[in-house]
C-alpha atoms as a PDB file:
ATOM      1  CA  MET A   1      12.867 -17.482  11.887  1.00  0.00           C
ATOM      2  CA  THR A   2      12.227 -16.033  15.372  1.00  0.00           C
ATOM      3  CA  ARG A   3       8.644 -15.028  16.056  1.00  0.00           C
ATOM      4  CA  GLU A   4       8.017 -11.431  17.088  1.00  0.00           C
ATOM      5  CA  PRO A   5       4.889 -11.159  19.282  1.00  0.00           C
ATOM      6  CA  ASP A   6       4.454  -7.419  18.636  1.00  0.00           C
ATOM      7  CA  LEU A   7       3.597  -8.151  15.013  1.00  0.00           C
ATOM      8  CA  LYS A   8       0.179  -9.257  16.235  1.00  0.00           C
ATOM      9  CA  LYS A   9      -0.510  -5.527  16.626  1.00  0.00           C
ATOM     10  CA  ILE A  10      -0.121  -4.994  12.874  1.00  0.00           C
ATOM     11  CA  ALA A  11      -2.494  -6.328  10.232  1.00  0.00           C
ATOM     12  CA  ALA A  12      -0.916  -7.267   6.903  1.00  0.00           C
ATOM     13  CA  VAL A  13      -2.949  -6.335   3.812  1.00  0.00           C
ATOM     14  CA  ILE A  14      -2.146  -7.940   0.446  1.00  0.00           C
ATOM     15  CA  PRO A  15      -4.093  -7.000  -2.715  1.00  0.00           C
ATOM     16  CA  ALA A  16      -3.882  -9.881  -5.196  1.00  0.00           C
ATOM     17  CA  TYR A  17      -4.852 -10.260  -8.841  1.00  0.00           C
ATOM     18  CA  ASP A  18      -4.006 -13.618 -10.444  1.00  0.00           C
ATOM     19  CA  PRO A  19      -1.209 -14.410  -7.952  1.00  0.00           C
ATOM     20  CA  ASP A  20       1.127 -17.402  -8.197  1.00  0.00           C
ATOM     21  CA  HIS A  21       2.892 -19.652  -5.675  1.00  0.00           C
ATOM     22  CA  ARG A  22       5.023 -16.736  -4.452  1.00  0.00           C
ATOM     23  CA  LEU A  23       2.030 -15.435  -2.513  1.00  0.00           C
ATOM     24  CA  ILE A  24       1.776 -18.717  -0.607  1.00  0.00           C
ATOM     25  CA  SER A  25       5.460 -18.606   0.305  1.00  0.00           C
ATOM     26  CA  LEU A  26       5.219 -14.971   1.414  1.00  0.00           C
ATOM     27  CA  CYS A  27       2.200 -15.601   3.645  1.00  0.00           C
ATOM     28  CA  HIS A  28       3.781 -18.631   5.288  1.00  0.00           C
ATOM     29  CA  GLU A  29       6.868 -16.549   6.044  1.00  0.00           C
ATOM     30  CA  LEU A  30       4.751 -13.720   7.485  1.00  0.00           C
ATOM     31  CA  LEU A  31       2.939 -16.163   9.759  1.00  0.00           C
ATOM     32  CA  SER A  32       6.242 -17.703  10.844  1.00  0.00           C
ATOM     33  CA  ILE A  33       7.672 -14.361  12.019  1.00  0.00           C
ATOM     34  CA  GLY A  34       4.613 -13.466  14.077  1.00  0.00           C
ATOM     35  CA  PHE A  35       1.864 -11.889  11.993  1.00  0.00           C
ATOM     36  CA  SER A  36      -1.488 -13.165  13.216  1.00  0.00           C
ATOM     37  CA  THR A  37      -3.791 -11.283  10.820  1.00  0.00           C
ATOM     38  CA  ILE A  38      -3.215 -11.302   7.072  1.00  0.00           C
ATOM     39  CA  VAL A  39      -6.001  -9.963   4.867  1.00  0.00           C
ATOM     40  CA  ILE A  40      -5.738 -10.961   1.197  1.00  0.00           C
ATOM     41  CA  ILE A  41      -8.099  -9.397  -1.326  1.00  0.00           C
ATOM     42  CA  ASP A  42      -8.768 -11.435  -4.450  1.00  0.00           C
ATOM     43  CA  ASP A  43      -9.470  -8.661  -6.940  1.00  0.00           C
ATOM     44  CA  GLY A  44     -11.457 -10.609  -9.513  1.00  0.00           C
ATOM     45  CA  SER A  45      -8.751 -13.173 -10.247  1.00  0.00           C
ATOM     46  CA  SER A  46      -9.250 -15.895 -12.850  1.00  0.00           C
ATOM     47  CA  ALA A  47     -10.540 -19.357 -11.963  1.00  0.00           C
ATOM     48  CA  SER A  48      -7.039 -20.813 -12.260  1.00  0.00           C
ATOM     49  CA  ALA A  49      -5.836 -18.618  -9.393  1.00  0.00           C
ATOM     50  CA  GLN A  50      -8.508 -19.818  -6.981  1.00  0.00           C
ATOM     51  CA  THR A  51      -6.394 -22.802  -5.915  1.00  0.00           C
ATOM     52  CA  ILE A  52      -3.904 -20.293  -4.479  1.00  0.00           C
ATOM     53  CA  PHE A  53      -6.607 -18.636  -2.406  1.00  0.00           C
ATOM     54  CA  ASP A  54      -8.077 -21.987  -1.359  1.00  0.00           C
ATOM     55  CA  THR A  55      -4.666 -23.125  -0.108  1.00  0.00           C
ATOM     56  CA  LEU A  56      -4.116 -19.907   1.830  1.00  0.00           C
ATOM     57  CA  SER A  57      -7.591 -19.960   3.395  1.00  0.00           C
ATOM     58  CA  LYS A  58      -6.662 -23.137   5.286  1.00  0.00           C
ATOM     59  CA  ASN A  59      -4.168 -21.193   7.419  1.00  0.00           C
ATOM     60  CA  VAL A  60      -5.278 -19.736  10.751  1.00  0.00           C
ATOM     61  CA  GLY A  61      -4.846 -15.980  10.641  1.00  0.00           C
ATOM     62  CA  ILE A  62      -5.319 -15.589   6.890  1.00  0.00           C
ATOM     63  CA  ILE A  63      -8.544 -13.943   5.728  1.00  0.00           C
ATOM     64  CA  ILE A  64      -9.509 -14.060   2.046  1.00  0.00           C
ATOM     65  CA  LEU A  65     -11.885 -11.426   0.707  1.00  0.00           C
ATOM     66  CA  HIS A  66     -13.163 -11.687  -2.864  1.00  0.00           C
ATOM     67  CA  HIS A  67     -14.151  -9.127  -5.482  1.00  0.00           C
ATOM     68  CA  PRO A  68     -16.287 -10.808  -8.181  1.00  0.00           C
ATOM     69  CA  VAL A  69     -14.628  -8.613 -10.829  1.00  0.00           C
ATOM     70  CA  ASN A  70     -11.402  -6.636 -10.994  1.00  0.00           C
ATOM     71  CA  LEU A  71     -11.986  -3.285  -9.304  1.00  0.00           C
ATOM     72  CA  GLY A  72      -8.431  -2.016  -8.894  1.00  0.00           C
ATOM     73  CA  LYS A  73      -5.833  -1.700  -6.153  1.00  0.00           C
ATOM     74  CA  GLY A  74      -7.493   1.270  -4.486  1.00  0.00           C
ATOM     75  CA  SER A  75     -10.735  -0.656  -4.158  1.00  0.00           C
ATOM     76  CA  THR A  76      -8.941  -3.671  -2.690  1.00  0.00           C
ATOM     77  CA  LEU A  77      -7.278  -1.530  -0.032  1.00  0.00           C
ATOM     78  CA  LYS A  78     -10.578   0.087   0.907  1.00  0.00           C
ATOM     79  CA  THR A  79     -12.221  -3.341   1.152  1.00  0.00           C
ATOM     80  CA  ALA A  80      -9.468  -4.452   3.520  1.00  0.00           C
ATOM     81  CA  PHE A  81      -9.690  -1.249   5.566  1.00  0.00           C
ATOM     82  CA  ASN A  82     -13.457  -1.679   6.014  1.00  0.00           C
ATOM     83  CA  HIS A  83     -13.068  -5.309   7.061  1.00  0.00           C
ATOM     84  CA  LEU A  84     -10.341  -4.562   9.584  1.00  0.00           C
ATOM     85  CA  LEU A  85     -12.254  -1.642  11.078  1.00  0.00           C
ATOM     86  CA  GLU A  86     -15.201  -3.971  11.605  1.00  0.00           C
ATOM     87  CA  MET A  87     -12.907  -6.513  13.294  1.00  0.00           C
ATOM     88  CA  ASP A  88     -11.703  -3.832  15.733  1.00  0.00           C
ATOM     89  CA  LYS A  89      -8.961  -5.967  17.309  1.00  0.00           C
ATOM     90  CA  GLY A  90      -6.927  -3.085  18.715  1.00  0.00           C
ATOM     91  CA  PHE A  91      -4.372  -2.897  15.923  1.00  0.00           C
ATOM     92  CA  LEU A  92      -1.717  -0.201  16.015  1.00  0.00           C
ATOM     93  CA  GLY A  93      -1.616  -0.102  12.238  1.00  0.00           C
ATOM     94  CA  ILE A  94      -1.622  -1.961   8.970  1.00  0.00           C
ATOM     95  CA  ILE A  95       1.110  -2.775   6.493  1.00  0.00           C
ATOM     96  CA  THR A  96       0.362  -3.051   2.786  1.00  0.00           C
ATOM     97  CA  ILE A  97       2.355  -5.613   0.800  1.00  0.00           C
ATOM     98  CA  ASP A  98       2.393  -6.455  -2.908  1.00  0.00           C
ATOM     99  CA  ALA A  99       1.556 -10.016  -3.939  1.00  0.00           C
ATOM    100  CA  ASP A 100       3.886 -10.295  -6.945  1.00  0.00           C
ATOM    101  CA  GLY A 101       7.134 -11.180  -5.186  1.00  0.00           C
ATOM    102  CA  GLN A 102       8.579  -7.664  -5.024  1.00  0.00           C
ATOM    103  CA  HIS A 103       8.486  -7.526  -1.231  1.00  0.00           C
ATOM    104  CA  LEU A 104      10.547  -9.877   0.922  1.00  0.00           C
ATOM    105  CA  SER A 105       9.365 -10.970   4.367  1.00  0.00           C
ATOM    106  CA  THR A 106      12.694  -9.736   5.778  1.00  0.00           C
ATOM    107  CA  ASP A 107      11.928  -6.230   4.495  1.00  0.00           C
ATOM    108  CA  VAL A 108       8.379  -6.437   5.835  1.00  0.00           C
ATOM    109  CA  LEU A 109       9.867  -7.305   9.217  1.00  0.00           C
ATOM    110  CA  ARG A 110      12.315  -4.391   9.126  1.00  0.00           C
ATOM    111  CA  LEU A 111       9.546  -1.990   8.160  1.00  0.00           C
ATOM    112  CA  SER A 112       7.309  -3.344  10.928  1.00  0.00           C
ATOM    113  CA  ARG A 113      10.018  -2.905  13.547  1.00  0.00           C
ATOM    114  CA  ALA A 114      10.517   0.713  12.467  1.00  0.00           C
ATOM    115  CA  PHE A 115       6.764   1.325  12.653  1.00  0.00           C
ATOM    116  CA  LEU A 116       6.412  -0.212  16.119  1.00  0.00           C
ATOM    117  CA  LYS A 117       9.040   2.218  17.427  1.00  0.00           C
ATOM    118  CA  GLU A 118       6.827   5.116  16.325  1.00  0.00           C
ATOM    119  CA  PRO A 119       3.311   3.871  15.528  1.00  0.00           C
ATOM    120  CA  SER A 120       1.965   7.377  14.922  1.00  0.00           C
ATOM    121  CA  ALA A 121       4.131   7.748  11.799  1.00  0.00           C
ATOM    122  CA  VAL A 122       3.822   6.354   8.294  1.00  0.00           C
ATOM    123  CA  VAL A 123       6.787   4.223   7.205  1.00  0.00           C
ATOM    124  CA  LEU A 124       7.584   3.708   3.524  1.00  0.00           C
ATOM    125  CA  GLY A 125       9.670   0.889   2.102  1.00  0.00           C
ATOM    126  CA  VAL A 126      12.017   2.726  -0.261  1.00  0.00           C
ATOM    127  CA  ARG A 127      13.661   1.038  -3.246  1.00  0.00           C
ATOM    128  CA  SER A 128      16.803   2.156  -5.042  1.00  0.00           C
ATOM    129  CA  PHE A 129      16.388   3.128  -8.706  1.00  0.00           C
ATOM    130  CA  GLY A 130      19.571   2.205 -10.546  1.00  0.00           C
ATOM    131  CA  ASN A 131      20.007   1.504 -14.245  1.00  0.00           C
ATOM    132  CA  ASP A 132      19.005  -2.128 -13.725  1.00  0.00           C
ATOM    133  CA  ILE A 133      15.453  -1.005 -12.955  1.00  0.00           C
ATOM    134  CA  PRO A 134      12.953  -1.035 -15.868  1.00  0.00           C
ATOM    135  CA  PHE A 135      12.837   2.385 -17.528  1.00  0.00           C
ATOM    136  CA  ARG A 136       9.100   2.856 -17.033  1.00  0.00           C
ATOM    137  CA  SER A 137       9.516   2.382 -13.280  1.00  0.00           C
ATOM    138  CA  ARG A 138      12.491   4.741 -13.035  1.00  0.00           C
ATOM    139  CA  PHE A 139      10.823   7.420 -15.153  1.00  0.00           C
ATOM    140  CA  GLY A 140       7.449   7.124 -13.415  1.00  0.00           C
ATOM    141  CA  ASN A 141       8.946   7.413  -9.961  1.00  0.00           C
ATOM    142  CA  LEU A 142      11.154  10.372 -10.935  1.00  0.00           C
ATOM    143  CA  LEU A 143       8.283  12.294 -12.487  1.00  0.00           C
ATOM    144  CA  THR A 144       5.829  11.753  -9.630  1.00  0.00           C
ATOM    145  CA  ARG A 145       8.600  12.510  -7.139  1.00  0.00           C
ATOM    146  CA  LYS A 146       9.214  15.900  -8.804  1.00  0.00           C
ATOM    147  CA  ILE A 147       5.507  16.730  -9.025  1.00  0.00           C
ATOM    148  CA  ILE A 148       4.852  15.800  -5.390  1.00  0.00           C
ATOM    149  CA  TYR A 149       7.802  17.952  -4.340  1.00  0.00           C
ATOM    150  CA  LEU A 150       6.359  20.918  -6.255  1.00  0.00           C
ATOM    151  CA  LEU A 151       2.925  20.351  -4.707  1.00  0.00           C
ATOM    152  CA  THR A 152       3.955  19.710  -1.114  1.00  0.00           C
ATOM    153  CA  GLY A 153       7.597  20.677  -0.636  1.00  0.00           C
ATOM    154  CA  HIS A 154       8.372  17.117   0.481  1.00  0.00           C
ATOM    155  CA  ASN A 155      10.951  14.979  -1.278  1.00  0.00           C
ATOM    156  CA  ILE A 156       9.686  11.387  -1.212  1.00  0.00           C
ATOM    157  CA  CYS A 157      12.307   9.044  -2.662  1.00  0.00           C
ATOM    158  CA  ASP A 158       9.868   6.298  -3.649  1.00  0.00           C
ATOM    159  CA  THR A 159       6.400   7.640  -4.363  1.00  0.00           C
ATOM    160  CA  GLN A 160       5.065   4.405  -5.820  1.00  0.00           C
ATOM    161  CA  THR A 161       6.152   1.875  -3.231  1.00  0.00           C
ATOM    162  CA  GLY A 162       3.448  -0.592  -2.255  1.00  0.00           C
ATOM    163  CA  LEU A 163       5.167  -1.502   1.021  1.00  0.00           C
ATOM    164  CA  ARG A 164       3.772   0.959   3.551  1.00  0.00           C
ATOM    165  CA  ALA A 165       3.051   0.895   7.276  1.00  0.00           C
ATOM    166  CA  ILE A 166       0.096   3.105   8.172  1.00  0.00           C
ATOM    167  CA  PRO A 167      -1.098   4.160  11.656  1.00  0.00           C
ATOM    168  CA  TRP A 168      -4.475   2.778  12.645  1.00  0.00           C
ATOM    169  CA  ARG A 169      -5.905   6.148  13.644  1.00  0.00           C
ATOM    170  CA  ILE A 170      -5.866   7.495  10.079  1.00  0.00           C
ATOM    171  CA  ILE A 171      -7.411   4.442   8.399  1.00  0.00           C
ATOM    172  CA  PRO A 172     -11.024   5.740   8.779  1.00  0.00           C
ATOM    173  CA  ILE A 173     -10.107   8.841   6.763  1.00  0.00           C
ATOM    174  CA  LEU A 174      -7.978   7.073   4.166  1.00  0.00           C
ATOM    175  CA  LYS A 175     -10.790   4.688   3.262  1.00  0.00           C
ATOM    176  CA  LYS A 176     -12.941   7.690   2.241  1.00  0.00           C
ATOM    177  CA  LEU A 177     -10.413   9.248  -0.126  1.00  0.00           C
ATOM    178  CA  PRO A 178     -11.157   9.084  -3.880  1.00  0.00           C
ATOM    179  CA  GLY A 179      -9.484   6.613  -6.220  1.00  0.00           C
ATOM    180  CA  GLU A 180     -10.172   3.012  -7.184  1.00  0.00           C
ATOM    181  CA  ARG A 181      -6.968   1.867  -8.866  1.00  0.00           C
ATOM    182  CA  TYR A 182      -3.254   2.698  -8.622  1.00  0.00           C
ATOM    183  CA  GLU A 183      -3.956   6.425  -8.352  1.00  0.00           C
ATOM    184  CA  TYR A 184      -5.407   5.821  -4.887  1.00  0.00           C
ATOM    185  CA  GLU A 185      -1.941   5.227  -3.441  1.00  0.00           C
ATOM    186  CA  SER A 186      -0.826   8.640  -4.745  1.00  0.00           C
ATOM    187  CA  THR A 187      -3.927  10.278  -3.267  1.00  0.00           C
ATOM    188  CA  VAL A 188      -3.202   8.664   0.107  1.00  0.00           C
ATOM    189  CA  LEU A 189       0.400   9.842   0.051  1.00  0.00           C
ATOM    190  CA  LEU A 190      -0.609  13.405  -0.850  1.00  0.00           C
ATOM    191  CA  ASP A 191      -3.214  13.575   1.910  1.00  0.00           C
ATOM    192  CA  ILE A 192      -0.722  12.284   4.466  1.00  0.00           C
ATOM    193  CA  LEU A 193       1.814  14.906   3.394  1.00  0.00           C
ATOM    194  CA  LYS A 194      -0.805  17.665   3.424  1.00  0.00           C
ATOM    195  CA  SER A 195      -1.896  16.741   6.927  1.00  0.00           C
ATOM    196  CA  GLY A 196       1.559  16.780   8.464  1.00  0.00           C
ATOM    197  CA  VAL A 197       1.622  13.165   9.629  1.00  0.00           C
ATOM    198  CA  LYS A 198       5.268  12.190   9.993  1.00  0.00           C
ATOM    199  CA  ILE A 199       6.715   9.993   7.260  1.00  0.00           C
ATOM    200  CA  SER A 200       9.868   7.932   7.693  1.00  0.00           C
ATOM    201  CA  SER A 201      11.442   5.371   5.406  1.00  0.00           C
ATOM    202  CA  VAL A 202      13.305   2.075   5.417  1.00  0.00           C
ATOM    203  CA  SER A 203      15.483   0.897   2.546  1.00  0.00           C
ATOM    204  CA  ILE A 204      14.264  -2.344   0.985  1.00  0.00           C
ATOM    205  CA  MET A 205      15.466  -4.712  -1.703  1.00  0.00           C
ATOM    206  CA  THR A 206      14.604  -3.736  -5.254  1.00  0.00           C
ATOM    207  CA  ILE A 207      13.212  -6.812  -6.977  1.00  0.00           C
ATOM    208  CA  TYR A 208      11.931  -6.902 -10.529  1.00  0.00           C
ATOM    209  CA  LEU A 209      11.391 -10.470 -11.688  1.00  0.00           C
ATOM    210  CA  ALA A 210      11.510 -10.923 -15.481  1.00  0.00           C
ATOM    211  CA  ARG A 211      11.692  -7.133 -15.908  1.00  0.00           C
ATOM    212  CA  ASN A 212       8.510  -6.786 -13.877  1.00  0.00           C
ATOM    213  CA  GLU A 213       6.394  -8.556 -16.508  1.00  0.00           C
ATOM    214  CA  SER A 214       4.033  -9.861 -13.814  1.00  0.00           C
ATOM    215  CA  SER A 215       2.957  -6.321 -12.933  1.00  0.00           C
ATOM    216  CA  HIS A 216      -0.641  -5.421 -13.777  1.00  0.00           C
ATOM    217  CA  PHE A 217       0.227  -1.704 -13.973  1.00  0.00           C
ATOM    218  CA  ASP A 218      -0.749  -0.219 -17.337  1.00  0.00           C
ATOM    219  CA  PRO A 219       1.935   2.406 -18.102  1.00  0.00           C
ATOM    220  CA  ILE A 220      -0.454   4.615 -20.093  1.00  0.00           C
ATOM    221  CA  ARG A 221      -3.873   4.189 -18.548  1.00  0.00           C
ATOM    222  CA  ASP A 222      -2.724   4.003 -14.932  1.00  0.00           C
ATOM    223  CA  SER A 223      -0.182   6.813 -15.352  1.00  0.00           C
ATOM    224  CA  ILE A 224      -2.964   9.080 -16.625  1.00  0.00           C
ATOM    225  CA  ARG A 225      -5.020   8.228 -13.544  1.00  0.00           C
ATOM    226  CA  ILE A 226      -2.091   8.983 -11.228  1.00  0.00           C
ATOM    227  CA  TYR A 227      -1.297  12.347 -12.809  1.00  0.00           C
ATOM    228  CA  TRP A 228      -4.959  13.291 -12.828  1.00  0.00           C
ATOM    229  CA  ALA A 229      -5.037  12.567  -9.081  1.00  0.00           C
ATOM    230  CA  LEU A 230      -2.064  14.917  -8.660  1.00  0.00           C
ATOM    231  CA  ILE A 231      -3.809  17.630 -10.686  1.00  0.00           C
ATOM    232  CA  ARG A 232      -7.004  17.158  -8.678  1.00  0.00           C
ATOM    233  CA  PHE A 233      -5.024  17.519  -5.446  1.00  0.00           C
ATOM    234  CA  PHE A 234      -3.475  20.758  -6.740  1.00  0.00           C
ATOM    235  CA  ILE A 235      -6.879  22.201  -7.694  1.00  0.00           C
ATOM    236  CA  ALA A 236      -8.510  21.145  -4.419  1.00  0.00           C
ATOM    237  CA  SER A 237      -5.642  22.637  -2.408  1.00  0.00           C
ATOM    238  CA  LYS A 238      -5.984  25.951  -4.210  1.00  0.00           C
ATOM    239  CA  ILE A 239      -9.734  26.041  -3.653  1.00  0.00           C
ATOM    240  CA  ASP A 240      -9.284  24.995  -0.020  1.00  0.00           C
ATOM    241  CA  SER A 241      -6.855  27.867   0.602  1.00  0.00           C
ATOM    242  CA  THR A 242      -9.588  30.358  -0.375  1.00  0.00           C
ATOM    243  CA  GLY A 243     -12.008  28.886   2.141  1.00  0.00           C
ATOM    244  CA  LYS A 244     -14.545  28.006  -0.529  1.00  0.00           C
ATOM    245  CA  MET A 245     -14.176  24.251  -0.309  1.00  0.00           C
ATOM    246  CA  ASN A 246     -13.749  21.904   2.643  1.00  0.00           C
ATOM    247  CA  VAL A 247     -11.415  19.112   1.521  1.00  0.00           C
ATOM    248  CA  MET A 248     -11.610  15.896   3.556  1.00  0.00           C
ATOM    249  CA  SER A 249      -8.268  15.266   5.209  1.00  0.00           C
ATOM    250  CA  ILE A 250      -6.558  13.415   8.017  1.00  0.00           C
ATOM    251  CA  ASP A 251      -6.635  16.838   9.730  1.00  0.00           C
ATOM    252  CA  ASP A 252     -10.255  16.014  10.533  1.00  0.00           C
ATOM    253  CA  ILE A 253      -9.212  13.481  13.182  1.00  0.00           C
ATOM    254  CA  ARG A 254      -6.079  15.101  14.538  1.00  0.00           C
END
């Protein structure tokens, strides 16, 4: 695979909870195409998964951060954001990638190329949702898509994608937004939409291995958290419009 030197301007962030060998393969592919900074957050994985992290830590450019217990995807992203801000290596942005094999390095590359053409915009990796997709994923995406449209007027085709390129300049604000688990990604998306930062998308492969049995998403507990985040956004927006509450937003740094 041809190396792309501009990818050094993007930091890859991969939250990981009990990953398998697919994470090793993904990281090796990312390094081979030109990524020079890959931050992996071990979110309280079991002892058996530590060999994966030990293997990855031997690669130049891969940084392993550990949570002693499972704190959730939102917490892992914030941990990575804080670490990268402290590094201050002049990144143009970061790209978040799932560790469970759903994101191919070829799609990461296509998303990165789109981002580098317009590094002030957020780029989402958008999946297709045909009948071969697990029902819970199709239903969850459709429902959140409709709610977000009602709240913001924006039609986001894939509201739950974990493959996202995010401009560096908004990272300091995003790390302060509420949410510790999967609901954090919805909060981030809502704040970006509210603030008027441009969002574009790139079509990516839709991969669900073994009907997505490796996913750590709890369809009841995590769905409740996501919809509560949407309700909280609605309430905060209403209060903000009256001038009685100052809601933290990306607007603060524009």
